[in-house]
Amino acid sequence: MKVMLRQNAMGHLVVYVAKKDLEEEVVNQTEGDEGKIFTLANGWELVFPNLPEPMKLPQTVEAKRLS
């Protein structure tokens, strides 16, 4: 799914999923076998297989939901 990554006014990383009309703050970031894993405030885990480093925000990227 396509998601948008950006920073909110407080400087925290935020993920927006347009198809679900969902905007949540990232509460944890880890590295996994498939790529970078972001845990959102609502409990979702999204994996980003091709996330460029350093991240330039805002940007739209592909992600896969783990849980």
PDB file of N, CA and C in Angstrom:
ATOM      1  N   MET A   1       0.834  -1.170   0.000  1.00  0.00           N
ATOM      2  CA  MET A   1       0.000   0.000   0.000  1.00  0.00           C
ATOM      3  C   MET A   1       0.881   1.235   0.000  1.00  0.00           C
ATOM      4  N   LYS A   2       0.387   2.288  -0.571  1.00  0.00           N
ATOM      5  CA  LYS A   2       1.121   3.550  -0.581  1.00  0.00           C
ATOM      6  C   LYS A   2       0.796   4.333   0.682  1.00  0.00           C
ATOM      7  N   VAL A   3       1.848   4.839   1.319  1.00  0.00           N
ATOM      8  CA  VAL A   3       1.675   5.659   2.516  1.00  0.00           C
ATOM      9  C   VAL A   3       2.540   6.908   2.386  1.00  0.00           C
ATOM     10  N   MET A   4       2.136   7.939   3.096  1.00  0.00           N
ATOM     11  CA  MET A   4       2.905   9.179   3.103  1.00  0.00           C
ATOM     12  C   MET A   4       3.586   9.320   4.461  1.00  0.00           C
ATOM     13  N   LEU A   5       4.865   9.620   4.430  1.00  0.00           N
ATOM     14  CA  LEU A   5       5.637   9.873   5.644  1.00  0.00           C
ATOM     15  C   LEU A   5       5.895  11.366   5.739  1.00  0.00           C
ATOM     16  N   ARG A   6       5.700  11.920   6.929  1.00  0.00           N
ATOM     17  CA  ARG A   6       5.974  13.339   7.155  1.00  0.00           C
ATOM     18  C   ARG A   6       6.260  13.556   8.628  1.00  0.00           C
ATOM     19  N   GLN A   7       6.668  14.773   8.969  1.00  0.00           N
ATOM     20  CA  GLN A   7       6.856  15.143  10.361  1.00  0.00           C
ATOM     21  C   GLN A   7       5.733  16.075  10.772  1.00  0.00           C
ATOM     22  N   ASN A   8       5.229  15.875  12.006  1.00  0.00           N
ATOM     23  CA  ASN A   8       4.186  16.771  12.497  1.00  0.00           C
ATOM     24  C   ASN A   8       4.824  18.012  13.107  1.00  0.00           C
ATOM     25  N   ALA A   9       4.018  18.905  13.654  1.00  0.00           N
ATOM     26  CA  ALA A   9       4.502  20.165  14.203  1.00  0.00           C
ATOM     27  C   ALA A   9       5.473  19.961  15.373  1.00  0.00           C
ATOM     28  N   MET A  10       5.341  18.831  16.064  1.00  0.00           N
ATOM     29  CA  MET A  10       6.220  18.537  17.194  1.00  0.00           C
ATOM     30  C   MET A  10       7.502  17.815  16.774  1.00  0.00           C
ATOM     31  N   GLY A  11       7.643  17.539  15.479  1.00  0.00           N
ATOM     32  CA  GLY A  11       8.842  16.895  14.965  1.00  0.00           C
ATOM     33  C   GLY A  11       8.806  15.380  14.976  1.00  0.00           C
ATOM     34  N   HIS A  12       7.652  14.776  15.291  1.00  0.00           N
ATOM     35  CA  HIS A  12       7.534  13.320  15.299  1.00  0.00           C
ATOM     36  C   HIS A  12       7.183  12.812  13.903  1.00  0.00           C
ATOM     37  N   LEU A  13       7.656  11.618  13.593  1.00  0.00           N
ATOM     38  CA  LEU A  13       7.351  10.988  12.318  1.00  0.00           C
ATOM     39  C   LEU A  13       5.902  10.517  12.322  1.00  0.00           C
ATOM     40  N   VAL A  14       5.174  10.825  11.238  1.00  0.00           N
ATOM     41  CA  VAL A  14       3.762  10.483  11.100  1.00  0.00           C
ATOM     42  C   VAL A  14       3.568   9.734   9.790  1.00  0.00           C
ATOM     43  N   VAL A  15       2.713   8.699   9.834  1.00  0.00           N
ATOM     44  CA  VAL A  15       2.361   7.916   8.650  1.00  0.00           C
ATOM     45  C   VAL A  15       0.901   8.198   8.326  1.00  0.00           C
ATOM     46  N   TYR A  16       0.626   8.495   7.047  1.00  0.00           N
ATOM     47  CA  TYR A  16      -0.744   8.709   6.580  1.00  0.00           C
ATOM     48  C   TYR A  16      -1.066   7.658   5.523  1.00  0.00           C
ATOM     49  N   VAL A  17      -2.135   6.893   5.751  1.00  0.00           N
ATOM     50  CA  VAL A  17      -2.607   5.881   4.805  1.00  0.00           C
ATOM     51  C   VAL A  17      -3.905   6.412   4.206  1.00  0.00           C
ATOM     52  N   ALA A  18      -3.850   6.849   2.959  1.00  0.00           N
ATOM     53  CA  ALA A  18      -4.995   7.508   2.330  1.00  0.00           C
ATOM     54  C   ALA A  18      -6.194   6.567   2.178  1.00  0.00           C
ATOM     55  N   LYS A  19      -5.970   5.326   1.779  1.00  0.00           N
ATOM     56  CA  LYS A  19      -7.084   4.403   1.555  1.00  0.00           C
ATOM     57  C   LYS A  19      -7.861   4.106   2.831  1.00  0.00           C
ATOM     58  N   LYS A  20      -7.221   4.218   3.972  1.00  0.00           N
ATOM     59  CA  LYS A  20      -7.877   3.974   5.259  1.00  0.00           C
ATOM     60  C   LYS A  20      -8.218   5.282   5.974  1.00  0.00           C
ATOM     61  N   ASP A  21      -7.837   6.418   5.383  1.00  0.00           N
ATOM     62  CA  ASP A  21      -7.985   7.730   6.014  1.00  0.00           C
ATOM     63  C   ASP A  21      -7.444   7.677   7.441  1.00  0.00           C
ATOM     64  N   LEU A  22      -6.213   7.173   7.554  1.00  0.00           N
ATOM     65  CA  LEU A  22      -5.571   6.931   8.847  1.00  0.00           C
ATOM     66  C   LEU A  22      -4.290   7.737   8.935  1.00  0.00           C
ATOM     67  N   GLU A  23      -4.151   8.477  10.017  1.00  0.00           N
ATOM     68  CA  GLU A  23      -2.920   9.212  10.271  1.00  0.00           C
ATOM     69  C   GLU A  23      -2.492   8.903  11.698  1.00  0.00           C
ATOM     70  N   GLU A  24      -1.318   8.283  11.836  1.00  0.00           N
ATOM     71  CA  GLU A  24      -0.836   7.865  13.149  1.00  0.00           C
ATOM     72  C   GLU A  24       0.639   8.196  13.300  1.00  0.00           C
ATOM     73  N   GLU A  25       1.019   8.459  14.534  1.00  0.00           N
ATOM     74  CA  GLU A  25       2.407   8.740  14.867  1.00  0.00           C
ATOM     75  C   GLU A  25       3.183   7.429  14.979  1.00  0.00           C
ATOM     76  N   VAL A  26       4.438   7.456  14.575  1.00  0.00           N
ATOM     77  CA  VAL A  26       5.319   6.303  14.708  1.00  0.00           C
ATOM     78  C   VAL A  26       5.863   6.301  16.137  1.00  0.00           C
ATOM     79  N   VAL A  27       5.656   5.178  16.858  1.00  0.00           N
ATOM     80  CA  VAL A  27       6.112   5.089  18.243  1.00  0.00           C
ATOM     81  C   VAL A  27       7.364   4.244  18.398  1.00  0.00           C
ATOM     82  N   ASN A  28       7.695   3.427  17.361  1.00  0.00           N
ATOM     83  CA  ASN A  28       8.891   2.594  17.431  1.00  0.00           C
ATOM     84  C   ASN A  28       9.384   2.292  16.021  1.00  0.00           C
ATOM     85  N   GLN A  29      10.714   2.245  15.867  1.00  0.00           N
ATOM     86  CA  GLN A  29      11.329   1.894  14.588  1.00  0.00           C
ATOM     87  C   GLN A  29      12.350   0.798  14.842  1.00  0.00           C
ATOM     88  N   THR A  30      12.277  -0.280  14.049  1.00  0.00           N
ATOM     89  CA  THR A  30      13.249  -1.365  14.157  1.00  0.00           C
ATOM     90  C   THR A  30      13.652  -1.811  12.765  1.00  0.00           C
ATOM     91  N   GLU A  31      14.728  -2.580  12.710  1.00  0.00           N
ATOM     92  CA  GLU A  31      15.177  -3.180  11.458  1.00  0.00           C
ATOM     93  C   GLU A  31      14.722  -4.633  11.434  1.00  0.00           C
ATOM     94  N   GLY A  32      14.174  -5.070  10.309  1.00  0.00           N
ATOM     95  CA  GLY A  32      13.743  -6.453  10.142  1.00  0.00           C
ATOM     96  C   GLY A  32      14.400  -7.062   8.924  1.00  0.00           C
ATOM     97  N   ASP A  33      14.087  -8.328   8.652  1.00  0.00           N
ATOM     98  CA  ASP A  33      14.645  -9.012   7.488  1.00  0.00           C
ATOM     99  C   ASP A  33      14.197  -8.369   6.182  1.00  0.00           C
ATOM    100  N   GLU A  34      12.965  -7.848   6.162  1.00  0.00           N
ATOM    101  CA  GLU A  34      12.409  -7.279   4.941  1.00  0.00           C
ATOM    102  C   GLU A  34      12.671  -5.786   4.797  1.00  0.00           C
ATOM    103  N   GLY A  35      13.148  -5.127   5.852  1.00  0.00           N
ATOM    104  CA  GLY A  35      13.391  -3.692   5.802  1.00  0.00           C
ATOM    105  C   GLY A  35      13.087  -3.044   7.132  1.00  0.00           C
ATOM    106  N   LYS A  36      12.882  -1.743   7.098  1.00  0.00           N
ATOM    107  CA  LYS A  36      12.594  -0.984   8.319  1.00  0.00           C
ATOM    108  C   LYS A  36      11.143  -1.201   8.722  1.00  0.00           C
ATOM    109  N   ILE A  37      10.925  -1.451  10.022  1.00  0.00           N
ATOM    110  CA  ILE A  37       9.583  -1.697  10.554  1.00  0.00           C
ATOM    111  C   ILE A  37       9.204  -0.542  11.469  1.00  0.00           C
ATOM    112  N   PHE A  38       8.061   0.081  11.162  1.00  0.00           N
ATOM    113  CA  PHE A  38       7.526   1.164  11.990  1.00  0.00           C
ATOM    114  C   PHE A  38       6.309   0.633  12.743  1.00  0.00           C
ATOM    115  N   THR A  39       6.265   0.861  14.048  1.00  0.00           N
ATOM    116  CA  THR A  39       5.090   0.557  14.857  1.00  0.00           C
ATOM    117  C   THR A  39       4.343   1.858  15.081  1.00  0.00           C
ATOM    118  N   LEU A  40       3.051   1.863  14.740  1.00  0.00           N
ATOM    119  CA  LEU A  40       2.234   3.060  14.857  1.00  0.00           C
ATOM    120  C   LEU A  40       1.534   3.105  16.214  1.00  0.00           C
ATOM    121  N   ALA A  41       1.033   4.269  16.569  1.00  0.00           N
ATOM    122  CA  ALA A  41       0.374   4.465  17.858  1.00  0.00           C
ATOM    123  C   ALA A  41      -0.859   3.583  18.008  1.00  0.00           C
ATOM    124  N   ASN A  42      -1.507   3.192  16.911  1.00  0.00           N
ATOM    125  CA  ASN A  42      -2.695   2.339  16.988  1.00  0.00           C
ATOM    126  C   ASN A  42      -2.352   0.851  17.042  1.00  0.00           C
ATOM    127  N   GLY A  43      -1.055   0.501  17.018  1.00  0.00           N
ATOM    128  CA  GLY A  43      -0.633  -0.890  17.100  1.00  0.00           C
ATOM    129  C   GLY A  43      -0.249  -1.522  15.778  1.00  0.00           C
ATOM    130  N   TRP A  44      -0.558  -0.879  14.664  1.00  0.00           N
ATOM    131  CA  TRP A  44      -0.175  -1.422  13.366  1.00  0.00           C
ATOM    132  C   TRP A  44       1.346  -1.476  13.255  1.00  0.00           C
ATOM    133  N   GLU A  45       1.841  -2.499  12.538  1.00  0.00           N
ATOM    134  CA  GLU A  45       3.249  -2.568  12.179  1.00  0.00           C
ATOM    135  C   GLU A  45       3.335  -2.561  10.664  1.00  0.00           C
ATOM    136  N   LEU A  46       4.114  -1.627  10.140  1.00  0.00           N
ATOM    137  CA  LEU A  46       4.309  -1.509   8.697  1.00  0.00           C
ATOM    138  C   LEU A  46       5.771  -1.726   8.376  1.00  0.00           C
ATOM    139  N   VAL A  47       6.037  -2.508   7.333  1.00  0.00           N
ATOM    140  CA  VAL A  47       7.411  -2.735   6.899  1.00  0.00           C
ATOM    141  C   VAL A  47       7.642  -1.959   5.604  1.00  0.00           C
ATOM    142  N   PHE A  48       8.799  -1.307   5.534  1.00  0.00           N
ATOM    143  CA  PHE A  48       9.196  -0.492   4.390  1.00  0.00           C
ATOM    144  C   PHE A  48      10.450  -1.109   3.785  1.00  0.00           C
ATOM    145  N   PRO A  49      10.301  -1.890   2.696  1.00  0.00           N
ATOM    146  CA  PRO A  49      11.441  -2.620   2.159  1.00  0.00           C
ATOM    147  C   PRO A  49      12.497  -1.744   1.480  1.00  0.00           C
ATOM    148  N   ASN A  50      12.114  -0.650   0.875  1.00  0.00           N
ATOM    149  CA  ASN A  50      13.067   0.158   0.100  1.00  0.00           C
ATOM    150  C   ASN A  50      13.102   1.597   0.580  1.00  0.00           C
ATOM    151  N   LEU A  51      13.195   1.792   1.876  1.00  0.00           N
ATOM    152  CA  LEU A  51      13.188   3.144   2.429  1.00  0.00           C
ATOM    153  C   LEU A  51      14.571   3.767   2.257  1.00  0.00           C
ATOM    154  N   PRO A  52      14.663   4.876   1.516  1.00  0.00           N
ATOM    155  CA  PRO A  52      15.972   5.496   1.288  1.00  0.00           C
ATOM    156  C   PRO A  52      16.530   6.144   2.551  1.00  0.00           C
ATOM    157  N   GLU A  53      17.827   6.086   2.711  1.00  0.00           N
ATOM    158  CA  GLU A  53      18.517   6.751   3.831  1.00  0.00           C
ATOM    159  C   GLU A  53      19.445   7.792   3.235  1.00  0.00           C
ATOM    160  N   PRO A  54      19.496   8.989   3.717  1.00  0.00           N
ATOM    161  CA  PRO A  54      18.629   9.550   4.755  1.00  0.00           C
ATOM    162  C   PRO A  54      17.244   9.847   4.193  1.00  0.00           C
ATOM    163  N   MET A  55      16.249   9.805   5.076  1.00  0.00           N
ATOM    164  CA  MET A  55      14.867  10.049   4.672  1.00  0.00           C
ATOM    165  C   MET A  55      14.643  11.530   4.434  1.00  0.00           C
ATOM    166  N   LYS A  56      14.053  11.841   3.282  1.00  0.00           N
ATOM    167  CA  LYS A  56      13.650  13.213   2.984  1.00  0.00           C
ATOM    168  C   LYS A  56      12.141  13.264   3.118  1.00  0.00           C
ATOM    169  N   LEU A  57      11.652  14.140   3.969  1.00  0.00           N
ATOM    170  CA  LEU A  57      10.219  14.204   4.243  1.00  0.00           C
ATOM    171  C   LEU A  57       9.630  15.499   3.726  1.00  0.00           C
ATOM    172  N   PRO A  58       8.405  15.535   3.296  1.00  0.00           N
ATOM    173  CA  PRO A  58       7.474  14.414   3.177  1.00  0.00           C
ATOM    174  C   PRO A  58       7.752  13.603   1.919  1.00  0.00           C
ATOM    175  N   GLN A  59       7.364  12.323   1.942  1.00  0.00           N
ATOM    176  CA  GLN A  59       7.500  11.473   0.771  1.00  0.00           C
ATOM    177  C   GLN A  59       6.468  10.355   0.819  1.00  0.00           C
ATOM    178  N   THR A  60       6.120   9.853  -0.369  1.00  0.00           N
ATOM    179  CA  THR A  60       5.186   8.742  -0.496  1.00  0.00           C
ATOM    180  C   THR A  60       5.983   7.502  -0.852  1.00  0.00           C
ATOM    181  N   VAL A  61       5.756   6.418  -0.101  1.00  0.00           N
ATOM    182  CA  VAL A  61       6.506   5.176  -0.289  1.00  0.00           C
ATOM    183  C   VAL A  61       5.561   3.983  -0.204  1.00  0.00           C
ATOM    184  N   GLU A  62       6.064   2.817  -0.625  1.00  0.00           N
ATOM    185  CA  GLU A  62       5.325   1.561  -0.518  1.00  0.00           C
ATOM    186  C   GLU A  62       5.587   0.935   0.837  1.00  0.00           C
ATOM    187  N   ALA A  63       4.551   0.385   1.433  1.00  0.00           N
ATOM    188  CA  ALA A  63       4.679  -0.294   2.724  1.00  0.00           C
ATOM    189  C   ALA A  63       3.774  -1.527   2.716  1.00  0.00           C
ATOM    190  N   LYS A  64       4.089  -2.461   3.621  1.00  0.00           N
ATOM    191  CA  LYS A  64       3.278  -3.661   3.779  1.00  0.00           C
ATOM    192  C   LYS A  64       2.906  -3.786   5.245  1.00  0.00           C
ATOM    193  N   ARG A  65       1.648  -4.071   5.510  1.00  0.00           N
ATOM    194  CA  ARG A  65       1.186  -4.193   6.899  1.00  0.00           C
ATOM    195  C   ARG A  65       1.489  -5.581   7.435  1.00  0.00           C
ATOM    196  N   LEU A  66       2.155  -5.633   8.587  1.00  0.00           N
ATOM    197  CA  LEU A  66       2.460  -6.913   9.235  1.00  0.00           C
ATOM    198  C   LEU A  66       1.361  -7.296  10.215  1.00  0.00           C
ATOM    199  N   SER A  67       0.886  -6.325  10.993  1.00  0.00           N
ATOM    200  CA  SER A  67      -0.172  -6.634  11.969  1.00  0.00           C
ATOM    201  C   SER A  67      -1.008  -5.403  12.243  1.00  0.00           C
TER     202      SER A  67
END
